[in-house]
PDB file of N, CA and C in Angstrom:
ATOM      1  N   MET A   1      -1.418 -11.753   6.863  1.00  0.00           N
ATOM      2  CA  MET A   1      -1.478 -10.324   7.108  1.00  0.00           C
ATOM      3  C   MET A   1      -0.067  -9.754   7.234  1.00  0.00           C
ATOM      4  N   GLN A   2       0.790 -10.498   7.903  1.00  0.00           N
ATOM      5  CA  GLN A   2       2.165 -10.029   8.065  1.00  0.00           C
ATOM      6  C   GLN A   2       2.855  -9.915   6.704  1.00  0.00           C
ATOM      7  N   SER A   3       2.617 -10.878   5.856  1.00  0.00           N
ATOM      8  CA  SER A   3       3.227 -10.862   4.527  1.00  0.00           C
ATOM      9  C   SER A   3       2.760  -9.656   3.710  1.00  0.00           C
ATOM     10  N   ALA A   4       1.461  -9.365   3.751  1.00  0.00           N
ATOM     11  CA  ALA A   4       0.926  -8.218   3.014  1.00  0.00           C
ATOM     12  C   ALA A   4       1.496  -6.915   3.567  1.00  0.00           C
ATOM     13  N   ALA A   5       1.616  -6.829   4.897  1.00  0.00           N
ATOM     14  CA  ALA A   5       2.144  -5.610   5.514  1.00  0.00           C
ATOM     15  C   ALA A   5       3.600  -5.377   5.108  1.00  0.00           C
ATOM     16  N   VAL A   6       4.393  -6.439   5.139  1.00  0.00           N
ATOM     17  CA  VAL A   6       5.804  -6.324   4.755  1.00  0.00           C
ATOM     18  C   VAL A   6       5.927  -6.010   3.267  1.00  0.00           C
ATOM     19  N   SER A   7       5.020  -6.549   2.467  1.00  0.00           N
ATOM     20  CA  SER A   7       5.055  -6.352   1.024  1.00  0.00           C
ATOM     21  C   SER A   7       4.906  -4.884   0.634  1.00  0.00           C
ATOM     22  N   ILE A   8       4.151  -4.125   1.411  1.00  0.00           N
ATOM     23  CA  ILE A   8       3.942  -2.706   1.086  1.00  0.00           C
ATOM     24  C   ILE A   8       5.275  -1.976   1.031  1.00  0.00           C
ATOM     25  N   SER A   9       6.008  -1.996   2.135  1.00  0.00           N
ATOM     26  CA  SER A   9       7.274  -1.262   2.167  1.00  0.00           C
ATOM     27  C   SER A   9       8.343  -1.924   1.301  1.00  0.00           C
ATOM     28  N   SER A  10       8.315  -3.247   1.211  1.00  0.00           N
ATOM     29  CA  SER A  10       9.312  -3.946   0.391  1.00  0.00           C
ATOM     30  C   SER A  10       9.176  -3.575  -1.083  1.00  0.00           C
ATOM     31  N   ASN A  11       7.952  -3.477  -1.577  1.00  0.00           N
ATOM     32  CA  ASN A  11       7.753  -3.112  -2.981  1.00  0.00           C
ATOM     33  C   ASN A  11       8.144  -1.667  -3.246  1.00  0.00           C
ATOM     34  N   ILE A  12       7.897  -0.792  -2.302  1.00  0.00           N
ATOM     35  CA  ILE A  12       8.329   0.602  -2.470  1.00  0.00           C
ATOM     36  C   ILE A  12       9.853   0.658  -2.544  1.00  0.00           C
ATOM     37  N   ALA A  13      10.515  -0.055  -1.636  1.00  0.00           N
ATOM     38  CA  ALA A  13      11.981  -0.049  -1.622  1.00  0.00           C
ATOM     39  C   ALA A  13      12.556  -0.667  -2.889  1.00  0.00           C
ATOM     40  N   GLU A  14      12.018  -1.803  -3.309  1.00  0.00           N
ATOM     41  CA  GLU A  14      12.530  -2.457  -4.505  1.00  0.00           C
ATOM     42  C   GLU A  14      12.289  -1.601  -5.744  1.00  0.00           C
ATOM     43  N   GLY A  15      11.113  -1.012  -5.836  1.00  0.00           N
ATOM     44  CA  GLY A  15      10.811  -0.145  -6.967  1.00  0.00           C
ATOM     45  C   GLY A  15      11.723   1.055  -7.029  1.00  0.00           C
ATOM     46  N   TYR A  16      12.040   1.609  -5.868  1.00  0.00           N
ATOM     47  CA  TYR A  16      12.938   2.761  -5.812  1.00  0.00           C
ATOM     48  C   TYR A  16      14.301   2.392  -6.394  1.00  0.00           C
ATOM     49  N   GLU A  17      14.764   1.205  -6.076  1.00  0.00           N
ATOM     50  CA  GLU A  17      16.061   0.749  -6.598  1.00  0.00           C
ATOM     51  C   GLU A  17      16.034   0.609  -8.119  1.00  0.00           C
ATOM     52  N   TRP A  18      14.928   0.110  -8.666  1.00  0.00           N
ATOM     53  CA  TRP A  18      14.822  -0.057 -10.106  1.00  0.00           C
ATOM     54  C   TRP A  18      14.666   1.284 -10.797  1.00  0.00           C
ATOM     55  N   GLY A  19      13.880   2.175 -10.198  1.00  0.00           N
ATOM     56  CA  GLY A  19      13.689   3.514 -10.746  1.00  0.00           C
ATOM     57  C   GLY A  19      12.744   3.553 -11.937  1.00  0.00           C
ATOM     58  N   GLY A  20      12.522   4.756 -12.439  1.00  0.00           N
ATOM     59  CA  GLY A  20      11.724   4.982 -13.642  1.00  0.00           C
ATOM     60  C   GLY A  20      10.346   4.358 -13.619  1.00  0.00           C
ATOM     61  N   LYS A  21       9.966   3.778 -14.760  1.00  0.00           N
ATOM     62  CA  LYS A  21       8.646   3.160 -14.887  1.00  0.00           C
ATOM     63  C   LYS A  21       8.485   1.976 -13.944  1.00  0.00           C
ATOM     64  N   ASP A  22       9.593   1.289 -13.675  1.00  0.00           N
ATOM     65  CA  ASP A  22       9.520   0.164 -12.745  1.00  0.00           C
ATOM     66  C   ASP A  22       9.111   0.624 -11.354  1.00  0.00           C
ATOM     67  N   PHE A  23       9.592   1.794 -10.945  1.00  0.00           N
ATOM     68  CA  PHE A  23       9.214   2.330  -9.633  1.00  0.00           C
ATOM     69  C   PHE A  23       7.700   2.499  -9.568  1.00  0.00           C
ATOM     70  N   CYS A  24       7.125   3.050 -10.606  1.00  0.00           N
ATOM     71  CA  CYS A  24       5.667   3.243 -10.635  1.00  0.00           C
ATOM     72  C   CYS A  24       4.941   1.907 -10.597  1.00  0.00           C
ATOM     73  N   ARG A  25       5.479   0.916 -11.287  1.00  0.00           N
ATOM     74  CA  ARG A  25       4.857  -0.414 -11.277  1.00  0.00           C
ATOM     75  C   ARG A  25       4.878  -1.004  -9.872  1.00  0.00           C
ATOM     76  N   PHE A  26       6.009  -0.858  -9.184  1.00  0.00           N
ATOM     77  CA  PHE A  26       6.114  -1.377  -7.827  1.00  0.00           C
ATOM     78  C   PHE A  26       5.231  -0.586  -6.854  1.00  0.00           C
ATOM     79  N   LEU A  27       5.027   0.690  -7.107  1.00  0.00           N
ATOM     80  CA  LEU A  27       4.110   1.465  -6.271  1.00  0.00           C
ATOM     81  C   LEU A  27       2.689   0.930  -6.415  1.00  0.00           C
ATOM     82  N   ARG A  28       2.304   0.554  -7.618  1.00  0.00           N
ATOM     83  CA  ARG A  28       0.968  -0.027  -7.821  1.00  0.00           C
ATOM     84  C   ARG A  28       0.854  -1.369  -7.105  1.00  0.00           C
ATOM     85  N   ILE A  29       1.908  -2.145  -7.117  1.00  0.00           N
ATOM     86  CA  ILE A  29       1.911  -3.421  -6.394  1.00  0.00           C
ATOM     87  C   ILE A  29       1.779  -3.158  -4.894  1.00  0.00           C
ATOM     88  N   ALA A  30       2.478  -2.143  -4.393  1.00  0.00           N
ATOM     89  CA  ALA A  30       2.383  -1.788  -2.972  1.00  0.00           C
ATOM     90  C   ALA A  30       0.956  -1.385  -2.611  1.00  0.00           C
ATOM     91  N   ARG A  31       0.292  -0.634  -3.506  1.00  0.00           N
ATOM     92  CA  ARG A  31      -1.113  -0.266  -3.252  1.00  0.00           C
ATOM     93  C   ARG A  31      -1.989  -1.507  -3.212  1.00  0.00           C
ATOM     94  N   GLY A  32      -1.694  -2.478  -4.054  1.00  0.00           N
ATOM     95  CA  GLY A  32      -2.438  -3.735  -4.037  1.00  0.00           C
ATOM     96  C   GLY A  32      -2.260  -4.487  -2.732  1.00  0.00           C
ATOM     97  N   SER A  33      -1.052  -4.512  -2.222  1.00  0.00           N
ATOM     98  CA  SER A  33      -0.794  -5.158  -0.923  1.00  0.00           C
ATOM     99  C   SER A  33      -1.509  -4.418   0.193  1.00  0.00           C
ATOM    100  N   ASN A  34      -1.568  -3.102   0.072  1.00  0.00           N
ATOM    101  CA  ASN A  34      -2.285  -2.291   1.047  1.00  0.00           C
ATOM    102  C   ASN A  34      -3.770  -2.671   1.051  1.00  0.00           C
ATOM    103  N   ALA A  35      -4.359  -2.796  -0.134  1.00  0.00           N
ATOM    104  CA  ALA A  35      -5.770  -3.185  -0.244  1.00  0.00           C
ATOM    105  C   ALA A  35      -5.992  -4.594   0.302  1.00  0.00           C
ATOM    106  N   GLU A  36      -5.047  -5.479   0.022  1.00  0.00           N
ATOM    107  CA  GLU A  36      -5.125  -6.848   0.529  1.00  0.00           C
ATOM    108  C   GLU A  36      -5.148  -6.852   2.056  1.00  0.00           C
ATOM    109  N   LEU A  37      -4.285  -6.065   2.669  1.00  0.00           N
ATOM    110  CA  LEU A  37      -4.225  -6.006   4.122  1.00  0.00           C
ATOM    111  C   LEU A  37      -5.507  -5.422   4.710  1.00  0.00           C
ATOM    112  N   ARG A  38      -6.055  -4.396   4.071  1.00  0.00           N
ATOM    113  CA  ARG A  38      -7.330  -3.835   4.555  1.00  0.00           C
ATOM    114  C   ARG A  38      -8.430  -4.892   4.500  1.00  0.00           C
ATOM    115  N   SER A  39      -8.452  -5.668   3.430  1.00  0.00           N
ATOM    116  CA  SER A  39      -9.438  -6.738   3.301  1.00  0.00           C
ATOM    117  C   SER A  39      -9.255  -7.790   4.396  1.00  0.00           C
ATOM    118  N   GLN A  40      -8.026  -8.147   4.651  1.00  0.00           N
ATOM    119  CA  GLN A  40      -7.742  -9.146   5.681  1.00  0.00           C
ATOM    120  C   GLN A  40      -8.126  -8.643   7.068  1.00  0.00           C
ATOM    121  N   LEU A  41      -7.979  -7.343   7.312  1.00  0.00           N
ATOM    122  CA  LEU A  41      -8.401  -6.772   8.593  1.00  0.00           C
ATOM    123  C   LEU A  41      -9.916  -6.855   8.756  1.00  0.00           C
ATOM    124  N   THR A  42     -10.632  -6.619   7.664  1.00  0.00           N
ATOM    125  CA  THR A  42     -12.098  -6.744   7.708  1.00  0.00           C
ATOM    126  C   THR A  42     -12.492  -8.167   8.081  1.00  0.00           C
ATOM    127  N   ILE A  43     -11.863  -9.135   7.438  1.00  0.00           N
ATOM    128  CA  ILE A  43     -12.159 -10.542   7.713  1.00  0.00           C
ATOM    129  C   ILE A  43     -11.778 -10.891   9.150  1.00  0.00           C
ATOM    130  N   ALA A  44     -10.610 -10.437   9.585  1.00  0.00           N
ATOM    131  CA  ALA A  44     -10.159 -10.727  10.954  1.00  0.00           C
ATOM    132  C   ALA A  44     -11.146 -10.187  11.989  1.00  0.00           C
ATOM    133  N   ALA A  45     -11.697  -9.015  11.735  1.00  0.00           N
ATOM    134  CA  ALA A  45     -12.681  -8.441  12.662  1.00  0.00           C
ATOM    135  C   ALA A  45     -13.980  -9.249  12.629  1.00  0.00           C
ATOM    136  N   GLU A  46     -14.386  -9.673  11.437  1.00  0.00           N
ATOM    137  CA  GLU A  46     -15.630 -10.436  11.301  1.00  0.00           C
ATOM    138  C   GLU A  46     -15.565 -11.788  12.010  1.00  0.00           C
ATOM    139  N   VAL A  47     -14.394 -12.401  12.036  1.00  0.00           N
ATOM    140  CA  VAL A  47     -14.270 -13.709  12.703  1.00  0.00           C
ATOM    141  C   VAL A  47     -13.786 -13.582  14.148  1.00  0.00           C
ATOM    142  N   GLY A  48     -13.629 -12.360  14.625  1.00  0.00           N
ATOM    143  CA  GLY A  48     -13.307 -12.128  16.026  1.00  0.00           C
ATOM    144  C   GLY A  48     -11.845 -12.195  16.400  1.00  0.00           C
ATOM    145  N   LEU A  49     -10.940 -12.124  15.436  1.00  0.00           N
ATOM    146  CA  LEU A  49      -9.513 -12.141  15.746  1.00  0.00           C
ATOM    147  C   LEU A  49      -8.998 -10.782  16.207  1.00  0.00           C
ATOM    148  N   ILE A  50      -9.732  -9.731  15.871  1.00  0.00           N
ATOM    149  CA  ILE A  50      -9.368  -8.368  16.239  1.00  0.00           C
ATOM    150  C   ILE A  50     -10.677  -7.603  16.442  1.00  0.00           C
ATOM    151  N   SER A  51     -10.645  -6.616  17.317  1.00  0.00           N
ATOM    152  CA  SER A  51     -11.873  -5.848  17.533  1.00  0.00           C
ATOM    153  C   SER A  51     -12.174  -4.997  16.295  1.00  0.00           C
ATOM    154  N   LYS A  52     -13.443  -4.741  16.072  1.00  0.00           N
ATOM    155  CA  LYS A  52     -13.845  -3.899  14.942  1.00  0.00           C
ATOM    156  C   LYS A  52     -13.225  -2.515  15.074  1.00  0.00           C
ATOM    157  N   THR A  53     -13.153  -2.003  16.308  1.00  0.00           N
ATOM    158  CA  THR A  53     -12.560  -0.682  16.540  1.00  0.00           C
ATOM    159  C   THR A  53     -11.099  -0.656  16.128  1.00  0.00           C
ATOM    160  N   ASP A  54     -10.351  -1.673  16.537  1.00  0.00           N
ATOM    161  CA  ASP A  54      -8.930  -1.735  16.168  1.00  0.00           C
ATOM    162  C   ASP A  54      -8.767  -1.914  14.658  1.00  0.00           C
ATOM    163  N   ALA A  55      -9.592  -2.772  14.070  1.00  0.00           N
ATOM    164  CA  ALA A  55      -9.512  -2.990  12.624  1.00  0.00           C
ATOM    165  C   ALA A  55      -9.818  -1.703  11.869  1.00  0.00           C
ATOM    166  N   ASP A  56     -10.854  -0.991  12.300  1.00  0.00           N
ATOM    167  CA  ASP A  56     -11.214   0.263  11.632  1.00  0.00           C
ATOM    168  C   ASP A  56     -10.106   1.295  11.751  1.00  0.00           C
ATOM    169  N   SER A  57      -9.482   1.359  12.916  1.00  0.00           N
ATOM    170  CA  SER A  57      -8.380   2.304  13.118  1.00  0.00           C
ATOM    171  C   SER A  57      -7.203   1.976  12.200  1.00  0.00           C
ATOM    172  N   LEU A  58      -6.860   0.703  12.124  1.00  0.00           N
ATOM    173  CA  LEU A  58      -5.761   0.287  11.252  1.00  0.00           C
ATOM    174  C   LEU A  58      -6.100   0.520   9.783  1.00  0.00           C
ATOM    175  N   LYS A  59      -7.339   0.251   9.401  1.00  0.00           N
ATOM    176  CA  LYS A  59      -7.749   0.480   8.013  1.00  0.00           C
ATOM    177  C   LYS A  59      -7.708   1.970   7.666  1.00  0.00           C
ATOM    178  N   ASP A  60      -8.056   2.823   8.625  1.00  0.00           N
ATOM    179  CA  ASP A  60      -7.945   4.269   8.387  1.00  0.00           C
ATOM    180  C   ASP A  60      -6.492   4.659   8.125  1.00  0.00           C
ATOM    181  N   GLU A  61      -5.577   4.106   8.919  1.00  0.00           N
ATOM    182  CA  GLU A  61      -4.155   4.395   8.714  1.00  0.00           C
ATOM    183  C   GLU A  61      -3.694   3.876   7.349  1.00  0.00           C
ATOM    184  N   LEU A  62      -4.151   2.689   6.993  1.00  0.00           N
ATOM    185  CA  LEU A  62      -3.779   2.126   5.694  1.00  0.00           C
ATOM    186  C   LEU A  62      -4.325   2.955   4.540  1.00  0.00           C
ATOM    187  N   MET A  63      -5.495   3.529   4.710  1.00  0.00           N
ATOM    188  CA  MET A  63      -6.043   4.402   3.661  1.00  0.00           C
ATOM    189  C   MET A  63      -5.165   5.637   3.483  1.00  0.00           C
ATOM    190  N   GLN A  64      -4.665   6.184   4.583  1.00  0.00           N
ATOM    191  CA  GLN A  64      -3.755   7.330   4.491  1.00  0.00           C
ATOM    192  C   GLN A  64      -2.468   6.939   3.774  1.00  0.00           C
ATOM    193  N   ILE A  65      -1.958   5.756   4.084  1.00  0.00           N
ATOM    194  CA  ILE A  65      -0.752   5.272   3.409  1.00  0.00           C
ATOM    195  C   ILE A  65      -1.030   5.071   1.918  1.00  0.00           C
ATOM    196  N   ALA A  66      -2.190   4.514   1.589  1.00  0.00           N
ATOM    197  CA  ALA A  66      -2.556   4.318   0.180  1.00  0.00           C
ATOM    198  C   ALA A  66      -2.595   5.653  -0.553  1.00  0.00           C
ATOM    199  N   LYS A  67      -3.130   6.672   0.085  1.00  0.00           N
ATOM    200  CA  LYS A  67      -3.182   8.001  -0.529  1.00  0.00           C
ATOM    201  C   LYS A  67      -1.771   8.543  -0.765  1.00  0.00           C
ATOM    202  N   MET A  68      -0.879   8.323   0.195  1.00  0.00           N
ATOM    203  CA  MET A  68       0.501   8.782   0.031  1.00  0.00           C
ATOM    204  C   MET A  68       1.188   8.060  -1.126  1.00  0.00           C
ATOM    205  N   ILE A  69       0.971   6.751  -1.221  1.00  0.00           N
ATOM    206  CA  ILE A  69       1.567   5.983  -2.312  1.00  0.00           C
ATOM    207  C   ILE A  69       1.022   6.472  -3.654  1.00  0.00           C
ATOM    208  N   THR A  70      -0.281   6.726  -3.703  1.00  0.00           N
ATOM    209  CA  THR A  70      -0.902   7.213  -4.936  1.00  0.00           C
ATOM    210  C   THR A  70      -0.323   8.565  -5.343  1.00  0.00           C
ATOM    211  N   LYS A  71      -0.165   9.467  -4.389  1.00  0.00           N
ATOM    212  CA  LYS A  71       0.409  10.783  -4.694  1.00  0.00           C
ATOM    213  C   LYS A  71       1.843  10.650  -5.185  1.00  0.00           C
ATOM    214  N   LEU A  72       2.611   9.761  -4.575  1.00  0.00           N
ATOM    215  CA  LEU A  72       3.986   9.537  -5.019  1.00  0.00           C
ATOM    216  C   LEU A  72       3.991   8.981  -6.440  1.00  0.00           C
ATOM    217  N   ASP A  73       3.118   8.032  -6.713  1.00  0.00           N
ATOM    218  CA  ASP A  73       3.015   7.456  -8.060  1.00  0.00           C
ATOM    219  C   ASP A  73       2.684   8.545  -9.079  1.00  0.00           C
ATOM    220  N   HIS A  74       1.708   9.380  -8.766  1.00  0.00           N
ATOM    221  CA  HIS A  74       1.319  10.454  -9.694  1.00  0.00           C
ATOM    222  C   HIS A  74       2.467  11.440  -9.924  1.00  0.00           C
ATOM    223  N   SER A  75       3.180  11.781  -8.859  1.00  0.00           N
ATOM    224  CA  SER A  75       4.278  12.748  -9.025  1.00  0.00           C
ATOM    225  C   SER A  75       5.416  12.145  -9.847  1.00  0.00           C
ATOM    226  N   ARG A  76       5.695  10.849  -9.660  1.00  0.00           N
ATOM    227  CA  ARG A  76       6.750  10.194 -10.446  1.00  0.00           C
ATOM    228  C   ARG A  76       6.353  10.122 -11.913  1.00  0.00           C
ATOM    229  N   ARG A  77       5.097   9.790 -12.187  1.00  0.00           N
ATOM    230  CA  ARG A  77       4.627   9.711 -13.582  1.00  0.00           C
ATOM    231  C   ARG A  77       4.727  11.088 -14.253  1.00  0.00           C
ATOM    232  N   LYS A  78       4.323  12.101 -13.514  1.00  0.00           N
ATOM    233  CA  LYS A  78       4.378  13.473 -14.049  1.00  0.00           C
ATOM    234  C   LYS A  78       5.815  13.861 -14.338  1.00  0.00           C
ATOM    235  N   ALA A  79       6.728  13.529 -13.444  1.00  0.00           N
ATOM    236  CA  ALA A  79       8.142  13.850 -13.642  1.00  0.00           C
ATOM    237  C   ALA A  79       8.701  13.115 -14.862  1.00  0.00           C
ATOM    238  N   MET A  80       8.283  11.883 -15.066  1.00  0.00           N
ATOM    239  CA  MET A  80       8.760  11.131 -16.229  1.00  0.00           C
ATOM    240  C   MET A  80       8.230  11.696 -17.526  1.00  0.00           C
ATOM    241  N   GLU A  81       7.011  12.231 -17.498  1.00  0.00           N
ATOM    242  CA  GLU A  81       6.424  12.852 -18.693  1.00  0.00           C
ATOM    243  C   GLU A  81       7.199  14.098 -19.096  1.00  0.00           C
ATOM    244  N   GLN A  82       7.773  14.779 -18.125  1.00  0.00           N
ATOM    245  CA  GLN A  82       8.478  16.030 -18.388  1.00  0.00           C
ATOM    246  C   GLN A  82       9.907  15.788 -18.842  1.00  0.00           C
ATOM    247  N   MET A  83      10.353  14.546 -18.844  1.00  0.00           N
ATOM    248  CA  MET A  83      11.711  14.236 -19.253  1.00  0.00           C
ATOM    249  C   MET A  83      11.829  14.220 -20.753  1.00  0.00           C
TER     250      MET A  83
END
């Protein structure tokens, strides 16, 4: 879970450094890590490592982050189309 969480911001940062189409590719990878972490939270709650309430709260926050990443990806793609 820690690896997936770190991967989200790390991929955004690395993609930003590469720029252009690579940035969009890394944003998609970050969204994948976000989905992976949400899945792991579901499993953690099911096996009793975290309360369902805490897992649901964290998953809600991750969904908001996923939406932000998606909006950033869309805006970058649109900007590249206009170049």
